[in-house]
Amino acid sequence: MKECCDMRVTVIGLGSMGSALAAALLDKGVETTVWNRSAGKAEALAARGARVAATPREAVEAADLVIACVLDYDALHGVLDPVAGSLEGRQLVNLTSGSPEQARQMDGWARSHGAGYLDGAIMTTPPGVGSQEMMILYSGSAEVFEARRAILAALGDPVHLGADPGTASLYDAALLGLMWATMTGWLHGTAVVGADKVEATVFTPVAIRWLGAVAGFLTRYAAQVDEGRYPGDDATVDVQIVTIDHLIHAAQKRGVDNALPELLKDTMLRARAAGHGSDSFGSIIEVLRSPA
């Protein structure tokens, strides 16, 4: 990691995530400067060897690479706009959550001030930062990504998604939707089996093993979605509609809220009404793309 440790990095924003980013850099021996509007948040990092900048300008000018992770884009501009001239010749990695449109605007803003730009999305909670099992998604300049890969690898497994700076934010939103749907489905299932005195810790290993099979379904349906053809050679939408009624019945008998499976069934029924009853479950994307 010599290339990593020879570089100077600034982290702007020391909330839970920004502090975790700075700590991961310090763990790799990176010369790290930090700045936060509330200076007290820098104390623990200073004790570990971080240099604390007194102002955003000092923070930017202390480093070759500036990593920003603040509340939102308004906060980001509030910090960086007054010191934009100091960014020239440096590189900005923005890990602030926002929309693809905001990321593209920020890319243009950074380049107009002579800075290379990468937008990113951290696909973990703060305790996972620094682990190579956790992805951090990036999009934007491939040149910046390759030049700073060693630093980015100190934060997590860096995955570059392409030149469009909005892609990382787009993936972030889509993947969060997948996470929430998966976790809510697991909680619903846990509530159903829990009504019959099955502990969550007993049910969950079986659920996790089942997710391995589900991953195989996703791979199969991905090719169908790209082709726009949905051969119902495994399980059709009509079959799924019958099957989901078993879940709804079991949950109802156990006093478990059925809003989620009812929503899923409604989507399946709309797909059948659109002519996809004999198609695979992948065909449901057609009604998601064109909601009523």
C-alpha atoms as a PDB file:
ATOM      1  CA  MET A   1       0.000   0.000   0.000  1.00  0.00           C
ATOM      2  CA  LYS A   2       3.001   2.329  -0.410  1.00  0.00           C
ATOM      3  CA  GLU A   3       1.230   4.382  -3.079  1.00  0.00           C
ATOM      4  CA  CYS A   4      -1.671   4.770  -0.686  1.00  0.00           C
ATOM      5  CA  CYS A   5       0.427   5.796   2.289  1.00  0.00           C
ATOM      6  CA  ASP A   6       2.489   8.335   0.322  1.00  0.00           C
ATOM      7  CA  MET A   7      -0.592  10.391  -0.522  1.00  0.00           C
ATOM      8  CA  ARG A   8      -2.201  13.227   1.388  1.00  0.00           C
ATOM      9  CA  VAL A   9      -5.955  13.039   1.802  1.00  0.00           C
ATOM     10  CA  THR A  10      -8.517  15.374   3.332  1.00  0.00           C
ATOM     11  CA  VAL A  11     -11.888  14.220   4.617  1.00  0.00           C
ATOM     12  CA  ILE A  12     -14.553  16.921   4.825  1.00  0.00           C
ATOM     13  CA  GLY A  13     -17.535  16.042   7.004  1.00  0.00           C
ATOM     14  CA  LEU A  14     -17.193  14.027  10.204  1.00  0.00           C
ATOM     15  CA  GLY A  15     -20.601  12.571  10.796  1.00  0.00           C
ATOM     16  CA  SER A  16     -20.703   8.839  11.510  1.00  0.00           C
ATOM     17  CA  MET A  17     -19.790   7.954   7.927  1.00  0.00           C
ATOM     18  CA  GLY A  18     -17.168  10.649   7.384  1.00  0.00           C
ATOM     19  CA  SER A  19     -15.491   9.729  10.665  1.00  0.00           C
ATOM     20  CA  ALA A  20     -15.421   6.080   9.581  1.00  0.00           C
ATOM     21  CA  LEU A  21     -13.811   7.058   6.267  1.00  0.00           C
ATOM     22  CA  ALA A  22     -11.112   9.081   8.007  1.00  0.00           C
ATOM     23  CA  ALA A  23     -10.489   6.280  10.516  1.00  0.00           C
ATOM     24  CA  ALA A  24     -10.058   3.737   7.701  1.00  0.00           C
ATOM     25  CA  LEU A  25      -7.446   5.971   6.059  1.00  0.00           C
ATOM     26  CA  LEU A  26      -5.578   6.405   9.336  1.00  0.00           C
ATOM     27  CA  ASP A  27      -5.633   2.631   9.811  1.00  0.00           C
ATOM     28  CA  LYS A  28      -3.705   2.341   6.521  1.00  0.00           C
ATOM     29  CA  GLY A  29      -1.149   4.949   7.550  1.00  0.00           C
ATOM     30  CA  VAL A  30      -2.483   7.623   5.197  1.00  0.00           C
ATOM     31  CA  GLU A  31      -1.599  11.233   6.010  1.00  0.00           C
ATOM     32  CA  THR A  32      -5.124  12.461   6.714  1.00  0.00           C
ATOM     33  CA  THR A  33      -6.464  15.947   7.316  1.00  0.00           C
ATOM     34  CA  VAL A  34     -10.015  16.373   8.575  1.00  0.00           C
ATOM     35  CA  TRP A  35     -12.455  19.232   8.812  1.00  0.00           C
ATOM     36  CA  ASN A  36     -15.943  19.495  10.235  1.00  0.00           C
ATOM     37  CA  ARG A  37     -18.185  22.457  10.967  1.00  0.00           C
ATOM     38  CA  SER A  38     -18.415  21.284  14.586  1.00  0.00           C
ATOM     39  CA  ALA A  39     -14.753  20.964  15.501  1.00  0.00           C
ATOM     40  CA  GLY A  40     -15.408  18.700  18.480  1.00  0.00           C
ATOM     41  CA  LYS A  41     -16.146  15.794  16.145  1.00  0.00           C
ATOM     42  CA  ALA A  42     -12.494  15.783  15.082  1.00  0.00           C
ATOM     43  CA  GLU A  43     -11.077  15.146  18.551  1.00  0.00           C
ATOM     44  CA  ALA A  44     -11.111  11.336  18.418  1.00  0.00           C
ATOM     45  CA  LEU A  45      -9.481  11.345  14.985  1.00  0.00           C
ATOM     46  CA  ALA A  46      -6.873  13.865  16.110  1.00  0.00           C
ATOM     47  CA  ALA A  47      -5.976  11.501  18.940  1.00  0.00           C
ATOM     48  CA  ARG A  48      -5.310   8.842  16.303  1.00  0.00           C
ATOM     49  CA  GLY A  49      -3.026  11.077  14.273  1.00  0.00           C
ATOM     50  CA  ALA A  50      -5.288  13.086  11.984  1.00  0.00           C
ATOM     51  CA  ARG A  51      -4.411  16.688  11.297  1.00  0.00           C
ATOM     52  CA  VAL A  52      -7.363  18.982  12.064  1.00  0.00           C
ATOM     53  CA  ALA A  53      -7.834  21.892   9.666  1.00  0.00           C
ATOM     54  CA  ALA A  54      -9.243  25.112  11.022  1.00  0.00           C
ATOM     55  CA  THR A  55     -11.050  26.080   7.809  1.00  0.00           C
ATOM     56  CA  PRO A  56     -12.322  24.416   4.626  1.00  0.00           C
ATOM     57  CA  ARG A  57      -9.648  26.221   2.626  1.00  0.00           C
ATOM     58  CA  GLU A  58      -6.908  24.883   4.861  1.00  0.00           C
ATOM     59  CA  ALA A  59      -8.429  21.412   4.569  1.00  0.00           C
ATOM     60  CA  VAL A  60      -8.539  21.495   0.770  1.00  0.00           C
ATOM     61  CA  GLU A  61      -5.054  22.921   0.390  1.00  0.00           C
ATOM     62  CA  ALA A  62      -3.584  20.280   2.712  1.00  0.00           C
ATOM     63  CA  ALA A  63      -4.278  17.401   0.330  1.00  0.00           C
ATOM     64  CA  ASP A  64      -3.957  16.024  -3.170  1.00  0.00           C
ATOM     65  CA  LEU A  65      -7.304  14.261  -2.831  1.00  0.00           C
ATOM     66  CA  VAL A  66     -10.392  15.655  -1.085  1.00  0.00           C
ATOM     67  CA  ILE A  67     -13.100  13.246   0.055  1.00  0.00           C
ATOM     68  CA  ALA A  68     -16.389  14.906   0.958  1.00  0.00           C
ATOM     69  CA  CYS A  69     -19.162  13.211   2.915  1.00  0.00           C
ATOM     70  CA  VAL A  70     -21.657  15.717   4.256  1.00  0.00           C
ATOM     71  CA  LEU A  71     -25.398  15.853   4.847  1.00  0.00           C
ATOM     72  CA  ASP A  72     -26.542  16.861   1.363  1.00  0.00           C
ATOM     73  CA  TYR A  73     -25.565  18.848  -1.706  1.00  0.00           C
ATOM     74  CA  ASP A  74     -26.611  22.159  -0.195  1.00  0.00           C
ATOM     75  CA  ALA A  75     -24.165  21.508   2.637  1.00  0.00           C
ATOM     76  CA  LEU A  76     -21.511  20.432   0.135  1.00  0.00           C
ATOM     77  CA  HIS A  77     -21.790  23.647  -1.853  1.00  0.00           C
ATOM     78  CA  GLY A  78     -21.904  25.653   1.354  1.00  0.00           C
ATOM     79  CA  VAL A  79     -18.486  24.258   2.275  1.00  0.00           C
ATOM     80  CA  LEU A  80     -16.787  24.142  -1.123  1.00  0.00           C
ATOM     81  CA  ASP A  81     -18.163  27.103  -3.075  1.00  0.00           C
ATOM     82  CA  PRO A  82     -16.206  29.695  -1.053  1.00  0.00           C
ATOM     83  CA  VAL A  83     -12.939  27.774  -1.583  1.00  0.00           C
ATOM     84  CA  ALA A  84     -13.529  26.564  -5.145  1.00  0.00           C
ATOM     85  CA  GLY A  85     -10.336  28.202  -6.383  1.00  0.00           C
ATOM     86  CA  SER A  86      -8.285  25.978  -4.096  1.00  0.00           C
ATOM     87  CA  LEU A  87      -9.543  22.838  -5.845  1.00  0.00           C
ATOM     88  CA  GLU A  88      -7.619  23.500  -9.059  1.00  0.00           C
ATOM     89  CA  GLY A  89      -5.235  20.656  -9.799  1.00  0.00           C
ATOM     90  CA  ARG A  90      -6.729  18.489  -7.073  1.00  0.00           C
ATOM     91  CA  GLN A  91      -9.248  15.682  -7.185  1.00  0.00           C
ATOM     92  CA  LEU A  92     -12.611  15.562  -5.453  1.00  0.00           C
ATOM     93  CA  VAL A  93     -14.320  12.323  -4.469  1.00  0.00           C
ATOM     94  CA  ASN A  94     -17.855  13.104  -3.404  1.00  0.00           C
ATOM     95  CA  LEU A  95     -19.506  10.489  -1.181  1.00  0.00           C
ATOM     96  CA  THR A  96     -22.444  12.709  -0.249  1.00  0.00           C
ATOM     97  CA  SER A  97     -25.794  11.036  -0.914  1.00  0.00           C
ATOM     98  CA  GLY A  98     -27.950  12.622  -3.591  1.00  0.00           C
ATOM     99  CA  SER A  99     -29.525  12.155  -6.997  1.00  0.00           C
ATOM    100  CA  PRO A 100     -27.865  11.297 -10.316  1.00  0.00           C
ATOM    101  CA  GLU A 101     -28.768  14.775 -11.541  1.00  0.00           C
ATOM    102  CA  GLN A 102     -27.003  16.394  -8.583  1.00  0.00           C
ATOM    103  CA  ALA A 103     -23.939  14.241  -9.180  1.00  0.00           C
ATOM    104  CA  ARG A 104     -23.753  15.314 -12.821  1.00  0.00           C
ATOM    105  CA  GLN A 105     -24.118  18.948 -11.840  1.00  0.00           C
ATOM    106  CA  MET A 106     -21.356  18.553  -9.268  1.00  0.00           C
ATOM    107  CA  ASP A 107     -19.079  16.969 -11.847  1.00  0.00           C
ATOM    108  CA  GLY A 108     -19.509  19.989 -14.098  1.00  0.00           C
ATOM    109  CA  TRP A 109     -18.927  22.330 -11.156  1.00  0.00           C
ATOM    110  CA  ALA A 110     -15.712  20.545 -10.140  1.00  0.00           C
ATOM    111  CA  ARG A 111     -14.327  20.453 -13.669  1.00  0.00           C
ATOM    112  CA  SER A 112     -15.120  24.151 -14.124  1.00  0.00           C
ATOM    113  CA  HIS A 113     -12.795  24.781 -11.184  1.00  0.00           C
ATOM    114  CA  GLY A 114     -10.015  22.582 -12.527  1.00  0.00           C
ATOM    115  CA  ALA A 115     -10.623  19.551 -10.304  1.00  0.00           C
ATOM    116  CA  GLY A 116     -10.979  15.920 -11.301  1.00  0.00           C
ATOM    117  CA  TYR A 117     -14.188  14.385  -9.989  1.00  0.00           C
ATOM    118  CA  LEU A 118     -15.575  11.056  -8.876  1.00  0.00           C
ATOM    119  CA  ASP A 119     -19.017  10.538  -7.432  1.00  0.00           C
ATOM    120  CA  GLY A 120     -19.537   7.648  -5.059  1.00  0.00           C
ATOM    121  CA  ALA A 121     -22.031   5.644  -3.028  1.00  0.00           C
ATOM    122  CA  ILE A 122     -21.030   3.788   0.131  1.00  0.00           C
ATOM    123  CA  MET A 123     -22.852   0.468   0.178  1.00  0.00           C
ATOM    124  CA  THR A 124     -22.469  -0.226   3.875  1.00  0.00           C
ATOM    125  CA  THR A 125     -23.049   1.337   7.264  1.00  0.00           C
ATOM    126  CA  PRO A 126     -20.129   3.024   9.077  1.00  0.00           C
ATOM    127  CA  PRO A 127     -18.881  -0.138  10.844  1.00  0.00           C
ATOM    128  CA  GLY A 128     -18.343  -1.770   7.438  1.00  0.00           C
ATOM    129  CA  VAL A 129     -16.098   0.986   6.059  1.00  0.00           C
ATOM    130  CA  GLY A 130     -12.604  -0.358   5.409  1.00  0.00           C
ATOM    131  CA  SER A 131     -13.760  -3.924   4.797  1.00  0.00           C
ATOM    132  CA  GLN A 132     -13.001  -5.423   1.401  1.00  0.00           C
ATOM    133  CA  GLU A 133     -16.264  -7.338   1.663  1.00  0.00           C
ATOM    134  CA  MET A 134     -18.155  -4.045   1.309  1.00  0.00           C
ATOM    135  CA  MET A 135     -18.547  -2.205  -1.998  1.00  0.00           C
ATOM    136  CA  ILE A 136     -18.126   1.479  -2.556  1.00  0.00           C
ATOM    137  CA  LEU A 137     -19.490   2.398  -5.966  1.00  0.00           C
ATOM    138  CA  TYR A 138     -17.881   5.120  -8.065  1.00  0.00           C
ATOM    139  CA  SER A 139     -18.692   6.792 -11.356  1.00  0.00           C
ATOM    140  CA  GLY A 140     -17.108   9.601 -13.294  1.00  0.00           C
ATOM    141  CA  SER A 141     -13.518  10.051 -14.408  1.00  0.00           C
ATOM    142  CA  ALA A 142     -11.806   6.719 -15.040  1.00  0.00           C
ATOM    143  CA  GLU A 143      -8.489   8.570 -14.908  1.00  0.00           C
ATOM    144  CA  VAL A 144      -9.163   9.773 -11.367  1.00  0.00           C
ATOM    145  CA  PHE A 145     -10.404   6.332 -10.329  1.00  0.00           C
ATOM    146  CA  GLU A 146      -7.275   4.563 -11.568  1.00  0.00           C
ATOM    147  CA  ALA A 147      -4.943   7.189 -10.145  1.00  0.00           C
ATOM    148  CA  ARG A 148      -6.561   6.967  -6.706  1.00  0.00           C
ATOM    149  CA  ARG A 149      -7.511   3.293  -6.621  1.00  0.00           C
ATOM    150  CA  ALA A 150      -5.098   2.504  -3.781  1.00  0.00           C
ATOM    151  CA  ILE A 151      -6.640   5.171  -1.556  1.00  0.00           C
ATOM    152  CA  LEU A 152     -10.166   4.125  -2.470  1.00  0.00           C
ATOM    153  CA  ALA A 153      -9.327   0.510  -1.664  1.00  0.00           C
ATOM    154  CA  ALA A 154      -8.532   1.578   1.909  1.00  0.00           C
ATOM    155  CA  LEU A 155     -12.205   2.490   2.301  1.00  0.00           C
ATOM    156  CA  GLY A 156     -13.745  -0.693   0.874  1.00  0.00           C
ATOM    157  CA  ASP A 157     -13.847  -2.629  -2.390  1.00  0.00           C
ATOM    158  CA  PRO A 158     -13.906   0.101  -5.083  1.00  0.00           C
ATOM    159  CA  VAL A 159     -16.210  -0.616  -8.047  1.00  0.00           C
ATOM    160  CA  HIS A 160     -16.145   1.788 -11.006  1.00  0.00           C
ATOM    161  CA  LEU A 161     -19.432   1.873 -12.926  1.00  0.00           C
ATOM    162  CA  GLY A 162     -18.468   4.065 -15.858  1.00  0.00           C
ATOM    163  CA  ALA A 163     -17.884   7.599 -17.015  1.00  0.00           C
ATOM    164  CA  ASP A 164     -21.351   9.019 -16.280  1.00  0.00           C
ATOM    165  CA  PRO A 165     -20.956  10.642 -12.836  1.00  0.00           C
ATOM    166  CA  GLY A 166     -24.624  10.012 -12.062  1.00  0.00           C
ATOM    167  CA  THR A 167     -24.409   6.218 -12.279  1.00  0.00           C
ATOM    168  CA  ALA A 168     -23.211   5.564  -8.719  1.00  0.00           C
ATOM    169  CA  SER A 169     -26.135   7.532  -7.269  1.00  0.00           C
ATOM    170  CA  LEU A 170     -28.533   5.742  -9.609  1.00  0.00           C
ATOM    171  CA  TYR A 171     -27.268   2.326  -8.482  1.00  0.00           C
ATOM    172  CA  ASP A 172     -27.375   3.478  -4.864  1.00  0.00           C
ATOM    173  CA  ALA A 173     -31.086   4.295  -5.067  1.00  0.00           C
ATOM    174  CA  ALA A 174     -31.903   1.052  -6.881  1.00  0.00           C
ATOM    175  CA  LEU A 175     -29.866  -1.101  -4.501  1.00  0.00           C
ATOM    176  CA  LEU A 176     -31.378   0.527  -1.431  1.00  0.00           C
ATOM    177  CA  GLY A 177     -34.796  -0.375  -2.832  1.00  0.00           C
ATOM    178  CA  LEU A 178     -33.612  -3.971  -3.163  1.00  0.00           C
ATOM    179  CA  MET A 179     -32.312  -3.933   0.403  1.00  0.00           C
ATOM    180  CA  TRP A 180     -35.508  -2.548   1.917  1.00  0.00           C
ATOM    181  CA  ALA A 181     -37.713  -4.944  -0.034  1.00  0.00           C
ATOM    182  CA  THR A 182     -35.541  -7.908   0.978  1.00  0.00           C
ATOM    183  CA  MET A 183     -35.345  -6.972   4.646  1.00  0.00           C
ATOM    184  CA  THR A 184     -39.059  -6.217   4.860  1.00  0.00           C
ATOM    185  CA  GLY A 185     -39.860  -9.551   3.211  1.00  0.00           C
ATOM    186  CA  TRP A 186     -37.591 -11.289   5.719  1.00  0.00           C
ATOM    187  CA  LEU A 187     -39.244  -9.476   8.637  1.00  0.00           C
ATOM    188  CA  HIS A 188     -42.695 -10.415   7.339  1.00  0.00           C
ATOM    189  CA  GLY A 189     -41.652 -14.055   7.033  1.00  0.00           C
ATOM    190  CA  THR A 190     -40.073 -13.909  10.489  1.00  0.00           C
ATOM    191  CA  ALA A 191     -43.353 -12.584  11.891  1.00  0.00           C
ATOM    192  CA  VAL A 192     -45.299 -15.399  10.217  1.00  0.00           C
ATOM    193  CA  VAL A 193     -43.123 -18.220  11.543  1.00  0.00           C
ATOM    194  CA  GLY A 194     -42.692 -16.402  14.837  1.00  0.00           C
ATOM    195  CA  ALA A 195     -46.418 -16.618  15.448  1.00  0.00           C
ATOM    196  CA  ASP A 196     -45.861 -20.380  15.679  1.00  0.00           C
ATOM    197  CA  LYS A 197     -43.016 -19.891  18.187  1.00  0.00           C
ATOM    198  CA  VAL A 198     -40.175 -20.223  15.658  1.00  0.00           C
ATOM    199  CA  GLU A 199     -37.314 -17.980  16.749  1.00  0.00           C
ATOM    200  CA  ALA A 200     -35.829 -15.507  14.278  1.00  0.00           C
ATOM    201  CA  THR A 201     -32.383 -16.973  14.833  1.00  0.00           C
ATOM    202  CA  VAL A 202     -33.693 -20.382  13.824  1.00  0.00           C
ATOM    203  CA  PHE A 203     -35.583 -19.180  10.759  1.00  0.00           C
ATOM    204  CA  THR A 204     -32.912 -16.813   9.421  1.00  0.00           C
ATOM    205  CA  PRO A 205     -30.205 -19.345   8.388  1.00  0.00           C
ATOM    206  CA  VAL A 206     -32.838 -21.101   6.264  1.00  0.00           C
ATOM    207  CA  ALA A 207     -33.908 -17.737   4.804  1.00  0.00           C
ATOM    208  CA  ILE A 208     -30.314 -16.863   3.936  1.00  0.00           C
ATOM    209  CA  ARG A 209     -29.825 -20.190   2.184  1.00  0.00           C
ATOM    210  CA  TRP A 210     -33.014 -19.525   0.213  1.00  0.00           C
ATOM    211  CA  LEU A 211     -31.602 -16.173  -0.912  1.00  0.00           C
ATOM    212  CA  GLY A 212     -28.868 -18.109  -2.716  1.00  0.00           C
ATOM    213  CA  ALA A 213     -31.546 -19.714  -4.886  1.00  0.00           C
ATOM    214  CA  VAL A 214     -33.216 -16.341  -5.358  1.00  0.00           C
ATOM    215  CA  ALA A 215     -29.917 -14.967  -6.686  1.00  0.00           C
ATOM    216  CA  GLY A 216     -30.086 -17.636  -9.376  1.00  0.00           C
ATOM    217  CA  PHE A 217     -33.584 -16.487 -10.333  1.00  0.00           C
ATOM    218  CA  LEU A 218     -32.321 -12.907 -10.693  1.00  0.00           C
ATOM    219  CA  THR A 219     -29.565 -14.016 -13.047  1.00  0.00           C
ATOM    220  CA  ARG A 220     -32.039 -15.925 -15.205  1.00  0.00           C
ATOM    221  CA  TYR A 221     -34.568 -13.106 -15.352  1.00  0.00           C
ATOM    222  CA  ALA A 222     -31.938 -10.434 -16.057  1.00  0.00           C
ATOM    223  CA  ALA A 223     -31.286 -11.923 -19.488  1.00  0.00           C
ATOM    224  CA  GLN A 224     -35.045 -12.078 -20.134  1.00  0.00           C
ATOM    225  CA  VAL A 225     -35.484  -8.436 -19.145  1.00  0.00           C
ATOM    226  CA  ASP A 226     -32.720  -7.333 -21.520  1.00  0.00           C
ATOM    227  CA  GLU A 227     -34.264  -9.355 -24.357  1.00  0.00           C
ATOM    228  CA  GLY A 228     -37.861  -8.369 -23.568  1.00  0.00           C
ATOM    229  CA  ARG A 229     -38.876 -12.057 -23.735  1.00  0.00           C
ATOM    230  CA  TYR A 230     -40.220 -13.912 -20.696  1.00  0.00           C
ATOM    231  CA  PRO A 231     -40.620 -17.645 -21.357  1.00  0.00           C
ATOM    232  CA  GLY A 232     -42.661 -19.126 -18.543  1.00  0.00           C
ATOM    233  CA  ASP A 233     -40.646 -22.305 -18.380  1.00  0.00           C
ATOM    234  CA  ASP A 234     -40.012 -22.226 -14.644  1.00  0.00           C
ATOM    235  CA  ALA A 235     -42.962 -20.628 -12.866  1.00  0.00           C
ATOM    236  CA  THR A 236     -45.493 -18.349 -14.512  1.00  0.00           C
ATOM    237  CA  VAL A 237     -47.116 -15.250 -13.089  1.00  0.00           C
ATOM    238  CA  ASP A 238     -50.392 -17.209 -12.864  1.00  0.00           C
ATOM    239  CA  VAL A 239     -48.663 -19.813 -10.682  1.00  0.00           C
ATOM    240  CA  GLN A 240     -47.152 -17.125  -8.473  1.00  0.00           C
ATOM    241  CA  ILE A 241     -50.576 -15.554  -7.929  1.00  0.00           C
ATOM    242  CA  VAL A 242     -51.930 -18.850  -6.636  1.00  0.00           C
ATOM    243  CA  THR A 243     -48.850 -19.374  -4.470  1.00  0.00           C
ATOM    244  CA  ILE A 244     -48.841 -15.955  -2.834  1.00  0.00           C
ATOM    245  CA  ASP A 245     -52.364 -16.649  -1.591  1.00  0.00           C
ATOM    246  CA  HIS A 246     -50.850 -19.331   0.656  1.00  0.00           C
ATOM    247  CA  LEU A 247     -48.638 -16.694   2.289  1.00  0.00           C
ATOM    248  CA  ILE A 248     -51.531 -14.274   2.647  1.00  0.00           C
ATOM    249  CA  HIS A 249     -53.700 -16.977   4.238  1.00  0.00           C
ATOM    250  CA  ALA A 250     -50.949 -18.078   6.666  1.00  0.00           C
ATOM    251  CA  ALA A 251     -50.224 -14.501   7.716  1.00  0.00           C
ATOM    252  CA  GLN A 252     -53.906 -13.628   8.133  1.00  0.00           C
ATOM    253  CA  LYS A 253     -54.535 -16.646  10.344  1.00  0.00           C
ATOM    254  CA  ARG A 254     -51.648 -15.565  12.558  1.00  0.00           C
ATOM    255  CA  GLY A 255     -52.634 -11.929  12.823  1.00  0.00           C
ATOM    256  CA  VAL A 256     -49.663 -10.700  10.783  1.00  0.00           C
ATOM    257  CA  ASP A 257     -49.983  -7.543   8.681  1.00  0.00           C
ATOM    258  CA  ASN A 258     -50.463  -8.435   5.016  1.00  0.00           C
ATOM    259  CA  ALA A 259     -49.841  -5.065   3.353  1.00  0.00           C
ATOM    260  CA  LEU A 260     -46.626  -6.257   1.693  1.00  0.00           C
ATOM    261  CA  PRO A 261     -47.868  -9.521   0.145  1.00  0.00           C
ATOM    262  CA  GLU A 262     -51.119  -7.824  -0.885  1.00  0.00           C
ATOM    263  CA  LEU A 263     -49.078  -5.178  -2.702  1.00  0.00           C
ATOM    264  CA  LEU A 264     -47.034  -7.882  -4.406  1.00  0.00           C
ATOM    265  CA  LYS A 265     -50.160  -9.776  -5.410  1.00  0.00           C
ATOM    266  CA  ASP A 266     -51.703  -6.613  -6.822  1.00  0.00           C
ATOM    267  CA  THR A 267     -48.615  -6.124  -9.001  1.00  0.00           C
ATOM    268  CA  MET A 268     -48.849  -9.711 -10.222  1.00  0.00           C
ATOM    269  CA  LEU A 269     -52.536  -9.236 -11.030  1.00  0.00           C
ATOM    270  CA  ARG A 270     -51.716  -6.134 -13.063  1.00  0.00           C
ATOM    271  CA  ALA A 271     -49.106  -8.123 -14.971  1.00  0.00           C
ATOM    272  CA  ARG A 272     -51.670 -10.832 -15.722  1.00  0.00           C
ATOM    273  CA  ALA A 273     -54.196  -8.220 -16.860  1.00  0.00           C
ATOM    274  CA  ALA A 274     -51.519  -6.882 -19.225  1.00  0.00           C
ATOM    275  CA  GLY A 275     -51.219 -10.323 -20.816  1.00  0.00           C
ATOM    276  CA  HIS A 276     -48.290 -11.772 -18.877  1.00  0.00           C
ATOM    277  CA  GLY A 277     -50.090 -14.510 -16.952  1.00  0.00           C
ATOM    278  CA  SER A 278     -48.262 -17.297 -18.792  1.00  0.00           C
ATOM    279  CA  ASP A 279     -44.923 -15.465 -18.724  1.00  0.00           C
ATOM    280  CA  SER A 280     -42.167 -15.710 -16.138  1.00  0.00           C
ATOM    281  CA  PHE A 281     -42.022 -13.513 -13.048  1.00  0.00           C
ATOM    282  CA  GLY A 282     -39.511 -11.339 -14.896  1.00  0.00           C
ATOM    283  CA  SER A 283     -42.362  -9.975 -17.035  1.00  0.00           C
ATOM    284  CA  ILE A 284     -43.600  -7.956 -14.067  1.00  0.00           C
ATOM    285  CA  ILE A 285     -41.001  -5.355 -14.993  1.00  0.00           C
ATOM    286  CA  GLU A 286     -43.285  -4.353 -17.853  1.00  0.00           C
ATOM    287  CA  VAL A 287     -45.967  -3.056 -15.465  1.00  0.00           C
ATOM    288  CA  LEU A 288     -43.315  -1.447 -13.245  1.00  0.00           C
ATOM    289  CA  ARG A 289     -42.006   0.427 -16.272  1.00  0.00           C
ATOM    290  CA  SER A 290     -45.517   1.555 -17.216  1.00  0.00           C
ATOM    291  CA  PRO A 291     -47.503   1.940 -13.972  1.00  0.00           C
ATOM    292  CA  ALA A 292     -51.237   2.445 -14.330  1.00  0.00           C
END
